[in-house]
PDB file of N, CA and C in Angstrom:
ATOM      1  N   MET A   1       1.575 -52.895  10.335  1.00  0.00           N
ATOM      2  CA  MET A   1       0.638 -51.800  10.461  1.00  0.00           C
ATOM      3  C   MET A   1      -0.654 -52.195   9.749  1.00  0.00           C
ATOM      4  N   THR A   2      -1.769 -52.015  10.418  1.00  0.00           N
ATOM      5  CA  THR A   2      -3.041 -52.399   9.834  1.00  0.00           C
ATOM      6  C   THR A   2      -3.532 -51.308   8.889  1.00  0.00           C
ATOM      7  N   THR A   3      -4.558 -51.651   8.144  1.00  0.00           N
ATOM      8  CA  THR A   3      -5.128 -50.704   7.184  1.00  0.00           C
ATOM      9  C   THR A   3      -5.729 -49.496   7.882  1.00  0.00           C
ATOM     10  N   SER A   4      -6.369 -49.721   9.016  1.00  0.00           N
ATOM     11  CA  SER A   4      -6.969 -48.590   9.731  1.00  0.00           C
ATOM     12  C   SER A   4      -5.905 -47.642  10.273  1.00  0.00           C
ATOM     13  N   ASP A   5      -4.739 -48.188  10.692  1.00  0.00           N
ATOM     14  CA  ASP A   5      -3.642 -47.332  11.159  1.00  0.00           C
ATOM     15  C   ASP A   5      -3.075 -46.505  10.013  1.00  0.00           C
ATOM     16  N   MET A   6      -2.970 -47.096   8.832  1.00  0.00           N
ATOM     17  CA  MET A   6      -2.449 -46.360   7.687  1.00  0.00           C
ATOM     18  C   MET A   6      -3.418 -45.258   7.269  1.00  0.00           C
ATOM     19  N   ALA A   7      -4.707 -45.549   7.274  1.00  0.00           N
ATOM     20  CA  ALA A   7      -5.694 -44.548   6.881  1.00  0.00           C
ATOM     21  C   ALA A   7      -5.725 -43.408   7.895  1.00  0.00           C
ATOM     22  N   ARG A   8      -5.544 -43.747   9.154  1.00  0.00           N
ATOM     23  CA  ARG A   8      -5.564 -42.736  10.201  1.00  0.00           C
ATOM     24  C   ARG A   8      -4.339 -41.819  10.091  1.00  0.00           C
ATOM     25  N   SER A   9      -3.199 -42.364   9.705  1.00  0.00           N
ATOM     26  CA  SER A   9      -1.986 -41.555   9.605  1.00  0.00           C
ATOM     27  C   SER A   9      -1.999 -40.661   8.369  1.00  0.00           C
ATOM     28  N   ASP A  10      -2.789 -41.000   7.339  1.00  0.00           N
ATOM     29  CA  ASP A  10      -2.864 -40.187   6.125  1.00  0.00           C
ATOM     30  C   ASP A  10      -3.752 -38.967   6.303  1.00  0.00           C
ATOM     31  N   ARG A  11      -4.662 -39.021   7.252  1.00  0.00           N
ATOM     32  CA  ARG A  11      -5.584 -37.909   7.449  1.00  0.00           C
ATOM     33  C   ARG A  11      -4.879 -36.756   8.154  1.00  0.00           C
ATOM     34  N   PRO A  12      -5.157 -35.510   7.730  1.00  0.00           N
ATOM     35  CA  PRO A  12      -4.556 -34.378   8.442  1.00  0.00           C
ATOM     36  C   PRO A  12      -5.226 -34.183   9.796  1.00  0.00           C
ATOM     37  N   GLY A  13      -4.484 -33.615  10.717  1.00  0.00           N
ATOM     38  CA  GLY A  13      -5.029 -33.345  12.037  1.00  0.00           C
ATOM     39  C   GLY A  13      -6.009 -32.184  11.987  1.00  0.00           C
ATOM     40  N   ILE A  14      -6.735 -32.009  13.072  1.00  0.00           N
ATOM     41  CA  ILE A  14      -7.730 -30.943  13.128  1.00  0.00           C
ATOM     42  C   ILE A  14      -7.066 -29.576  13.022  1.00  0.00           C
ATOM     43  N   TRP A  15      -5.881 -29.421  13.606  1.00  0.00           N
ATOM     44  CA  TRP A  15      -5.192 -28.130  13.548  1.00  0.00           C
ATOM     45  C   TRP A  15      -4.817 -27.780  12.109  1.00  0.00           C
ATOM     46  N   ALA A  16      -4.421 -28.782  11.311  1.00  0.00           N
ATOM     47  CA  ALA A  16      -4.069 -28.527   9.920  1.00  0.00           C
ATOM     48  C   ALA A  16      -5.285 -28.078   9.117  1.00  0.00           C
ATOM     49  N   LEU A  17      -6.465 -28.548   9.509  1.00  0.00           N
ATOM     50  CA  LEU A  17      -7.678 -28.182   8.777  1.00  0.00           C
ATOM     51  C   LEU A  17      -8.183 -26.781   9.119  1.00  0.00           C
ATOM     52  N   ILE A  18      -8.018 -26.365  10.366  1.00  0.00           N
ATOM     53  CA  ILE A  18      -8.609 -25.085  10.769  1.00  0.00           C
ATOM     54  C   ILE A  18      -7.587 -23.967  10.923  1.00  0.00           C
ATOM     55  N   ARG A  19      -6.311 -24.243  10.677  1.00  0.00           N
ATOM     56  CA  ARG A  19      -5.284 -23.220  10.866  1.00  0.00           C
ATOM     57  C   ARG A  19      -5.476 -22.033   9.923  1.00  0.00           C
ATOM     58  N   ARG A  20      -5.653 -22.271   8.631  1.00  0.00           N
ATOM     59  CA  ARG A  20      -5.807 -21.168   7.674  1.00  0.00           C
ATOM     60  C   ARG A  20      -7.048 -20.330   7.951  1.00  0.00           C
ATOM     61  N   PRO A  21      -8.228 -20.934   8.154  1.00  0.00           N
ATOM     62  CA  PRO A  21      -9.384 -20.095   8.464  1.00  0.00           C
ATOM     63  C   PRO A  21      -9.244 -19.313   9.762  1.00  0.00           C
ATOM     64  N   LEU A  22      -8.606 -19.904  10.768  1.00  0.00           N
ATOM     65  CA  LEU A  22      -8.421 -19.176  12.023  1.00  0.00           C
ATOM     66  C   LEU A  22      -7.448 -18.009  11.860  1.00  0.00           C
ATOM     67  N   LEU A  23      -6.384 -18.217  11.096  1.00  0.00           N
ATOM     68  CA  LEU A  23      -5.458 -17.118  10.835  1.00  0.00           C
ATOM     69  C   LEU A  23      -6.132 -16.028  10.005  1.00  0.00           C
ATOM     70  N   ALA A  24      -6.983 -16.427   9.064  1.00  0.00           N
ATOM     71  CA  ALA A  24      -7.722 -15.439   8.275  1.00  0.00           C
ATOM     72  C   ALA A  24      -8.688 -14.660   9.167  1.00  0.00           C
ATOM     73  N   LEU A  25      -9.337 -15.349  10.080  1.00  0.00           N
ATOM     74  CA  LEU A  25     -10.236 -14.677  11.012  1.00  0.00           C
ATOM     75  C   LEU A  25      -9.475 -13.684  11.874  1.00  0.00           C
ATOM     76  N   ALA A  26      -8.307 -14.095  12.347  1.00  0.00           N
ATOM     77  CA  ALA A  26      -7.494 -13.185  13.155  1.00  0.00           C
ATOM     78  C   ALA A  26      -7.056 -11.972  12.343  1.00  0.00           C
ATOM     79  N   GLY A  27      -6.658 -12.195  11.108  1.00  0.00           N
ATOM     80  CA  GLY A  27      -6.262 -11.080  10.243  1.00  0.00           C
ATOM     81  C   GLY A  27      -7.412 -10.140   9.944  1.00  0.00           C
ATOM     82  N   LEU A  28      -8.574 -10.697   9.647  1.00  0.00           N
ATOM     83  CA  LEU A  28      -9.746  -9.862   9.369  1.00  0.00           C
ATOM     84  C   LEU A  28     -10.180  -9.087  10.610  1.00  0.00           C
ATOM     85  N   THR A  29     -10.084  -9.710  11.774  1.00  0.00           N
ATOM     86  CA  THR A  29     -10.430  -9.024  13.017  1.00  0.00           C
ATOM     87  C   THR A  29      -9.448  -7.885  13.291  1.00  0.00           C
ATOM     88  N   LEU A  30      -8.168  -8.125  13.052  1.00  0.00           N
ATOM     89  CA  LEU A  30      -7.158  -7.082  13.225  1.00  0.00           C
ATOM     90  C   LEU A  30      -7.421  -5.913  12.270  1.00  0.00           C
ATOM     91  N   LEU A  31      -7.729  -6.219  11.034  1.00  0.00           N
ATOM     92  CA  LEU A  31      -8.016  -5.158  10.066  1.00  0.00           C
ATOM     93  C   LEU A  31      -9.302  -4.410  10.418  1.00  0.00           C
ATOM     94  N   LEU A  32     -10.280  -5.104  10.961  1.00  0.00           N
ATOM     95  CA  LEU A  32     -11.495  -4.439  11.414  1.00  0.00           C
ATOM     96  C   LEU A  32     -11.180  -3.472  12.546  1.00  0.00           C
ATOM     97  N   GLY A  33     -10.341  -3.908  13.491  1.00  0.00           N
ATOM     98  CA  GLY A  33      -9.934  -3.019  14.577  1.00  0.00           C
ATOM     99  C   GLY A  33      -9.177  -1.805  14.063  1.00  0.00           C
ATOM    100  N   MET A  34      -8.306  -2.012  13.070  1.00  0.00           N
ATOM    101  CA  MET A  34      -7.589  -0.883  12.481  1.00  0.00           C
ATOM    102  C   MET A  34      -8.543   0.082  11.807  1.00  0.00           C
ATOM    103  N   THR A  35      -9.533  -0.440  11.102  1.00  0.00           N
ATOM    104  CA  THR A  35     -10.516   0.413  10.438  1.00  0.00           C
ATOM    105  C   THR A  35     -11.277   1.241  11.454  1.00  0.00           C
ATOM    106  N   THR A  36     -11.704   0.610  12.535  1.00  0.00           N
ATOM    107  CA  THR A  36     -12.457   1.322  13.572  1.00  0.00           C
ATOM    108  C   THR A  36     -11.594   2.377  14.252  1.00  0.00           C
ATOM    109  N   PHE A  37     -10.352   2.027  14.571  1.00  0.00           N
ATOM    110  CA  PHE A  37      -9.451   2.971  15.220  1.00  0.00           C
ATOM    111  C   PHE A  37      -9.154   4.158  14.305  1.00  0.00           C
ATOM    112  N   LEU A  38      -8.862   3.883  13.039  1.00  0.00           N
ATOM    113  CA  LEU A  38      -8.485   4.957  12.127  1.00  0.00           C
ATOM    114  C   LEU A  38      -9.666   5.832  11.720  1.00  0.00           C
ATOM    115  N   ALA A  39     -10.883   5.375  11.977  1.00  0.00           N
ATOM    116  CA  ALA A  39     -12.051   6.217  11.686  1.00  0.00           C
ATOM    117  C   ALA A  39     -12.084   7.436  12.592  1.00  0.00           C
ATOM    118  N   PHE A  40     -11.452   7.338  13.749  1.00  0.00           N
ATOM    119  CA  PHE A  40     -11.439   8.442  14.700  1.00  0.00           C
ATOM    120  C   PHE A  40     -10.141   9.249  14.672  1.00  0.00           C
ATOM    121  N   VAL A  41      -9.222   8.894  13.785  1.00  0.00           N
ATOM    122  CA  VAL A  41      -7.953   9.605  13.667  1.00  0.00           C
ATOM    123  C   VAL A  41      -8.049  10.573  12.490  1.00  0.00           C
ATOM    124  N   PRO A  42      -7.884  11.877  12.731  1.00  0.00           N
ATOM    125  CA  PRO A  42      -7.959  12.831  11.622  1.00  0.00           C
ATOM    126  C   PRO A  42      -6.678  12.795  10.777  1.00  0.00           C
ATOM    127  N   MET A  43      -6.807  12.303   9.555  1.00  0.00           N
ATOM    128  CA  MET A  43      -5.646  12.218   8.665  1.00  0.00           C
ATOM    129  C   MET A  43      -5.851  13.037   7.399  1.00  0.00           C
ATOM    130  N   GLY A  44      -6.903  13.818   7.352  1.00  0.00           N
ATOM    131  CA  GLY A  44      -7.157  14.636   6.176  1.00  0.00           C
ATOM    132  C   GLY A  44      -7.516  13.780   4.975  1.00  0.00           C
ATOM    133  N   PRO A  45      -6.901  14.069   3.833  1.00  0.00           N
ATOM    134  CA  PRO A  45      -7.243  13.315   2.616  1.00  0.00           C
ATOM    135  C   PRO A  45      -6.719  11.874   2.632  1.00  0.00           C
ATOM    136  N   TRP A  46      -5.856  11.532   3.572  1.00  0.00           N
ATOM    137  CA  TRP A  46      -5.307  10.180   3.628  1.00  0.00           C
ATOM    138  C   TRP A  46      -6.278   9.177   4.239  1.00  0.00           C
ATOM    139  N   ASN A  47      -7.367   9.645   4.839  1.00  0.00           N
ATOM    140  CA  ASN A  47      -8.361   8.720   5.401  1.00  0.00           C
ATOM    141  C   ASN A  47      -8.887   7.766   4.332  1.00  0.00           C
ATOM    142  N   LEU A  48      -9.230   8.325   3.175  1.00  0.00           N
ATOM    143  CA  LEU A  48      -9.771   7.498   2.097  1.00  0.00           C
ATOM    144  C   LEU A  48      -8.732   6.503   1.596  1.00  0.00           C
ATOM    145  N   VAL A  49      -7.510   6.957   1.429  1.00  0.00           N
ATOM    146  CA  VAL A  49      -6.452   6.083   0.911  1.00  0.00           C
ATOM    147  C   VAL A  49      -6.199   4.915   1.861  1.00  0.00           C
ATOM    148  N   VAL A  50      -6.086   5.209   3.144  1.00  0.00           N
ATOM    149  CA  VAL A  50      -5.817   4.157   4.129  1.00  0.00           C
ATOM    150  C   VAL A  50      -7.011   3.210   4.238  1.00  0.00           C
ATOM    151  N   SER A  51      -8.209   3.745   4.213  1.00  0.00           N
ATOM    152  CA  SER A  51      -9.409   2.900   4.298  1.00  0.00           C
ATOM    153  C   SER A  51      -9.509   1.965   3.099  1.00  0.00           C
ATOM    154  N   LEU A  52      -9.219   2.468   1.911  1.00  0.00           N
ATOM    155  CA  LEU A  52      -9.267   1.615   0.722  1.00  0.00           C
ATOM    156  C   LEU A  52      -8.156   0.568   0.740  1.00  0.00           C
ATOM    157  N   ALA A  53      -7.000   0.908   1.276  1.00  0.00           N
ATOM    158  CA  ALA A  53      -5.921  -0.080   1.385  1.00  0.00           C
ATOM    159  C   ALA A  53      -6.298  -1.195   2.354  1.00  0.00           C
ATOM    160  N   ILE A  54      -6.918  -0.834   3.461  1.00  0.00           N
ATOM    161  CA  ILE A  54      -7.363  -1.842   4.425  1.00  0.00           C
ATOM    162  C   ILE A  54      -8.451  -2.711   3.809  1.00  0.00           C
ATOM    163  N   ALA A  55      -9.373  -2.100   3.068  1.00  0.00           N
ATOM    164  CA  ALA A  55     -10.432  -2.869   2.407  1.00  0.00           C
ATOM    165  C   ALA A  55      -9.847  -3.821   1.371  1.00  0.00           C
ATOM    166  N   ALA A  56      -8.826  -3.382   0.641  1.00  0.00           N
ATOM    167  CA  ALA A  56      -8.183  -4.257  -0.342  1.00  0.00           C
ATOM    168  C   ALA A  56      -7.496  -5.436   0.346  1.00  0.00           C
ATOM    169  N   ALA A  57      -6.893  -5.193   1.501  1.00  0.00           N
ATOM    170  CA  ALA A  57      -6.266  -6.286   2.254  1.00  0.00           C
ATOM    171  C   ALA A  57      -7.322  -7.293   2.713  1.00  0.00           C
ATOM    172  N   LYS A  58      -8.469  -6.801   3.157  1.00  0.00           N
ATOM    173  CA  LYS A  58      -9.552  -7.705   3.568  1.00  0.00           C
ATOM    174  C   LYS A  58     -10.032  -8.545   2.394  1.00  0.00           C
ATOM    175  N   VAL A  59     -10.202  -7.919   1.245  1.00  0.00           N
ATOM    176  CA  VAL A  59     -10.637  -8.645   0.052  1.00  0.00           C
ATOM    177  C   VAL A  59      -9.595  -9.691  -0.331  1.00  0.00           C
ATOM    178  N   GLY A  60      -8.326  -9.331  -0.233  1.00  0.00           N
ATOM    179  CA  GLY A  60      -7.272 -10.286  -0.552  1.00  0.00           C
ATOM    180  C   GLY A  60      -7.306 -11.512   0.343  1.00  0.00           C
ATOM    181  N   ILE A  61      -7.518 -11.298   1.619  1.00  0.00           N
ATOM    182  CA  ILE A  61      -7.609 -12.433   2.554  1.00  0.00           C
ATOM    183  C   ILE A  61      -8.794 -13.320   2.202  1.00  0.00           C
ATOM    184  N   ILE A  62      -9.926 -12.721   1.912  1.00  0.00           N
ATOM    185  CA  ILE A  62     -11.124 -13.498   1.592  1.00  0.00           C
ATOM    186  C   ILE A  62     -10.943 -14.277   0.301  1.00  0.00           C
ATOM    187  N   VAL A  63     -10.361 -13.627  -0.712  1.00  0.00           N
ATOM    188  CA  VAL A  63     -10.168 -14.294  -2.001  1.00  0.00           C
ATOM    189  C   VAL A  63      -9.183 -15.452  -1.877  1.00  0.00           C
ATOM    190  N   ILE A  64      -8.106 -15.250  -1.146  1.00  0.00           N
ATOM    191  CA  ILE A  64      -7.076 -16.289  -1.056  1.00  0.00           C
ATOM    192  C   ILE A  64      -7.507 -17.438  -0.152  1.00  0.00           C
ATOM    193  N   VAL A  65      -8.063 -17.116   1.016  1.00  0.00           N
ATOM    194  CA  VAL A  65      -8.344 -18.174   1.989  1.00  0.00           C
ATOM    195  C   VAL A  65      -9.697 -18.835   1.750  1.00  0.00           C
ATOM    196  N   PHE A  66     -10.750 -18.034   1.649  1.00  0.00           N
ATOM    197  CA  PHE A  66     -12.085 -18.621   1.611  1.00  0.00           C
ATOM    198  C   PHE A  66     -12.551 -18.981   0.203  1.00  0.00           C
ATOM    199  N   MET A  67     -12.209 -18.181  -0.790  1.00  0.00           N
ATOM    200  CA  MET A  67     -12.594 -18.515  -2.160  1.00  0.00           C
ATOM    201  C   MET A  67     -11.592 -19.464  -2.816  1.00  0.00           C
ATOM    202  N   GLU A  68     -10.403 -19.571  -2.247  1.00  0.00           N
ATOM    203  CA  GLU A  68      -9.344 -20.469  -2.715  1.00  0.00           C
ATOM    204  C   GLU A  68      -9.041 -20.289  -4.199  1.00  0.00           C
ATOM    205  N   LEU A  69      -8.934 -19.036  -4.641  1.00  0.00           N
ATOM    206  CA  LEU A  69      -8.666 -18.793  -6.056  1.00  0.00           C
ATOM    207  C   LEU A  69      -7.225 -19.085  -6.440  1.00  0.00           C
ATOM    208  N   THR A  70      -6.331 -19.171  -5.465  1.00  0.00           N
ATOM    209  CA  THR A  70      -4.950 -19.512  -5.817  1.00  0.00           C
ATOM    210  C   THR A  70      -4.834 -20.957  -6.289  1.00  0.00           C
ATOM    211  N   GLU A  71      -5.716 -21.836  -5.811  1.00  0.00           N
ATOM    212  CA  GLU A  71      -5.726 -23.223  -6.265  1.00  0.00           C
ATOM    213  C   GLU A  71      -6.851 -23.487  -7.249  1.00  0.00           C
ATOM    214  N   GLY A  72      -7.593 -22.451  -7.627  1.00  0.00           N
ATOM    215  CA  GLY A  72      -8.756 -22.620  -8.484  1.00  0.00           C
ATOM    216  C   GLY A  72      -8.391 -22.845  -9.936  1.00  0.00           C
ATOM    217  N   SER A  73      -9.381 -23.290 -10.671  1.00  0.00           N
ATOM    218  CA  SER A  73      -9.180 -23.494 -12.101  1.00  0.00           C
ATOM    219  C   SER A  73      -9.285 -22.162 -12.827  1.00  0.00           C
ATOM    220  N   GLY A  74      -8.955 -22.176 -14.088  1.00  0.00           N
ATOM    221  CA  GLY A  74      -9.022 -20.963 -14.890  1.00  0.00           C
ATOM    222  C   GLY A  74     -10.425 -20.407 -14.982  1.00  0.00           C
ATOM    223  N   VAL A  75     -11.415 -21.274 -14.998  1.00  0.00           N
ATOM    224  CA  VAL A  75     -12.801 -20.823 -15.096  1.00  0.00           C
ATOM    225  C   VAL A  75     -13.216 -20.082 -13.821  1.00  0.00           C
ATOM    226  N   GLN A  76     -12.779 -20.577 -12.672  1.00  0.00           N
ATOM    227  CA  GLN A  76     -13.108 -19.897 -11.413  1.00  0.00           C
ATOM    228  C   GLN A  76     -12.452 -18.520 -11.346  1.00  0.00           C
ATOM    229  N   ILE A  77     -11.210 -18.422 -11.754  1.00  0.00           N
ATOM    230  CA  ILE A  77     -10.513 -17.143 -11.746  1.00  0.00           C
ATOM    231  C   ILE A  77     -11.152 -16.198 -12.754  1.00  0.00           C
ATOM    232  N   LEU A  78     -11.540 -16.713 -13.905  1.00  0.00           N
ATOM    233  CA  LEU A  78     -12.221 -15.895 -14.912  1.00  0.00           C
ATOM    234  C   LEU A  78     -13.557 -15.386 -14.380  1.00  0.00           C
ATOM    235  N   ALA A  79     -14.320 -16.235 -13.708  1.00  0.00           N
ATOM    236  CA  ALA A  79     -15.608 -15.819 -13.146  1.00  0.00           C
ATOM    237  C   ALA A  79     -15.426 -14.737 -12.093  1.00  0.00           C
ATOM    238  N   ALA A  80     -14.415 -14.862 -11.254  1.00  0.00           N
ATOM    239  CA  ALA A  80     -14.142 -13.824 -10.251  1.00  0.00           C
ATOM    240  C   ALA A  80     -13.735 -12.525 -10.925  1.00  0.00           C
ATOM    241  N   GLY A  81     -12.916 -12.606 -11.955  1.00  0.00           N
ATOM    242  CA  GLY A  81     -12.508 -11.407 -12.690  1.00  0.00           C
ATOM    243  C   GLY A  81     -13.672 -10.724 -13.378  1.00  0.00           C
ATOM    244  N   VAL A  82     -14.554 -11.513 -13.969  1.00  0.00           N
ATOM    245  CA  VAL A  82     -15.740 -10.938 -14.617  1.00  0.00           C
ATOM    246  C   VAL A  82     -16.641 -10.273 -13.581  1.00  0.00           C
ATOM    247  N   GLY A  83     -16.747 -10.862 -12.406  1.00  0.00           N
ATOM    248  CA  GLY A  83     -17.536 -10.242 -11.340  1.00  0.00           C
ATOM    249  C   GLY A  83     -16.970  -8.901 -10.923  1.00  0.00           C
ATOM    250  N   VAL A  84     -15.654  -8.822 -10.798  1.00  0.00           N
ATOM    251  CA  VAL A  84     -15.008  -7.552 -10.457  1.00  0.00           C
ATOM    252  C   VAL A  84     -15.216  -6.536 -11.577  1.00  0.00           C
ATOM    253  N   PHE A  85     -15.109  -6.987 -12.822  1.00  0.00           N
ATOM    254  CA  PHE A  85     -15.321  -6.092 -13.960  1.00  0.00           C
ATOM    255  C   PHE A  85     -16.729  -5.510 -13.948  1.00  0.00           C
ATOM    256  N   TRP A  86     -17.744  -6.343 -13.745  1.00  0.00           N
ATOM    257  CA  TRP A  86     -19.117  -5.850 -13.756  1.00  0.00           C
ATOM    258  C   TRP A  86     -19.405  -4.939 -12.561  1.00  0.00           C
ATOM    259  N   LEU A  87     -18.807  -5.248 -11.430  1.00  0.00           N
ATOM    260  CA  LEU A  87     -18.978  -4.364 -10.288  1.00  0.00           C
ATOM    261  C   LEU A  87     -18.384  -2.991 -10.578  1.00  0.00           C
ATOM    262  N   ALA A  88     -17.195  -2.958 -11.175  1.00  0.00           N
ATOM    263  CA  ALA A  88     -16.572  -1.685 -11.547  1.00  0.00           C
ATOM    264  C   ALA A  88     -17.419  -0.957 -12.584  1.00  0.00           C
ATOM    265  N   PHE A  89     -17.982  -1.691 -13.530  1.00  0.00           N
ATOM    266  CA  PHE A  89     -18.839  -1.092 -14.556  1.00  0.00           C
ATOM    267  C   PHE A  89     -20.095  -0.477 -13.936  1.00  0.00           C
ATOM    268  N   LEU A  90     -20.705  -1.160 -12.987  1.00  0.00           N
ATOM    269  CA  LEU A  90     -21.891  -0.624 -12.322  1.00  0.00           C
ATOM    270  C   LEU A  90     -21.562   0.616 -11.502  1.00  0.00           C
ATOM    271  N   PHE A  91     -20.413   0.612 -10.834  1.00  0.00           N
ATOM    272  CA  PHE A  91     -19.988   1.811 -10.116  1.00  0.00           C
ATOM    273  C   PHE A  91     -19.756   2.969 -11.082  1.00  0.00           C
ATOM    274  N   LEU A  92     -19.165   2.674 -12.239  1.00  0.00           N
ATOM    275  CA  LEU A  92     -18.934   3.702 -13.240  1.00  0.00           C
ATOM    276  C   LEU A  92     -20.253   4.291 -13.727  1.00  0.00           C
ATOM    277  N   LEU A  93     -21.228   3.445 -13.979  1.00  0.00           N
ATOM    278  CA  LEU A  93     -22.536   3.943 -14.413  1.00  0.00           C
ATOM    279  C   LEU A  93     -23.208   4.774 -13.329  1.00  0.00           C
ATOM    280  N   ALA A  94     -23.123   4.334 -12.100  1.00  0.00           N
ATOM    281  CA  ALA A  94     -23.725   5.094 -11.006  1.00  0.00           C
ATOM    282  C   ALA A  94     -23.029   6.440 -10.841  1.00  0.00           C
ATOM    283  N   PHE A  95     -21.705   6.468 -10.978  1.00  0.00           N
ATOM    284  CA  PHE A  95     -20.973   7.719 -10.849  1.00  0.00           C
ATOM    285  C   PHE A  95     -21.284   8.654 -12.010  1.00  0.00           C
ATOM    286  N   ALA A  96     -21.440   8.105 -13.222  1.00  0.00           N
ATOM    287  CA  ALA A  96     -21.808   8.923 -14.374  1.00  0.00           C
ATOM    288  C   ALA A  96     -23.195   9.528 -14.192  1.00  0.00           C
ATOM    289  N   ASP A  97     -24.109   8.752 -13.633  1.00  0.00           N
ATOM    290  CA  ASP A  97     -25.442   9.273 -13.369  1.00  0.00           C
ATOM    291  C   ASP A  97     -25.385  10.386 -12.327  1.00  0.00           C
ATOM    292  N   TYR A  98     -24.566  10.213 -11.330  1.00  0.00           N
ATOM    293  CA  TYR A  98     -24.422  11.236 -10.281  1.00  0.00           C
ATOM    294  C   TYR A  98     -23.840  12.524 -10.864  1.00  0.00           C
ATOM    295  N   LEU A  99     -22.847  12.404 -11.747  1.00  0.00           N
ATOM    296  CA  LEU A  99     -22.230  13.589 -12.338  1.00  0.00           C
ATOM    297  C   LEU A  99     -23.148  14.306 -13.327  1.00  0.00           C
ATOM    298  N   SER A 100     -24.056  13.577 -13.950  1.00  0.00           N
ATOM    299  CA  SER A 100     -24.920  14.185 -14.968  1.00  0.00           C
ATOM    300  C   SER A 100     -26.104  14.935 -14.363  1.00  0.00           C
ATOM    301  N   ARG A 101     -26.321  14.844 -13.083  1.00  0.00           N
ATOM    302  CA  ARG A 101     -27.453  15.542 -12.483  1.00  0.00           C
ATOM    303  C   ARG A 101     -27.074  16.890 -11.973  1.00  0.00           C
TER     304      ARG A 101
END
């Protein structure tokens, strides 16, 4: 076996490279369709709960597949956590301002 044959056999195929992003795209598209469909279904107070659950699933797909935080270093995970913390803090401040008026 020549060197070029060995190097060629070590490389992953195109399907192995694009399988995860394509599955993530399919999942995100499915969740988008569910969000659109459920926007027209009267569920009373459960609309918010279901919408937030779908949004959390979308965020999970993005974090796992595209941000690759499951294979990330501690610093990357810490940076993502700090970003979530500051976003929650800003929402808290905005909500406090809304309640004080």
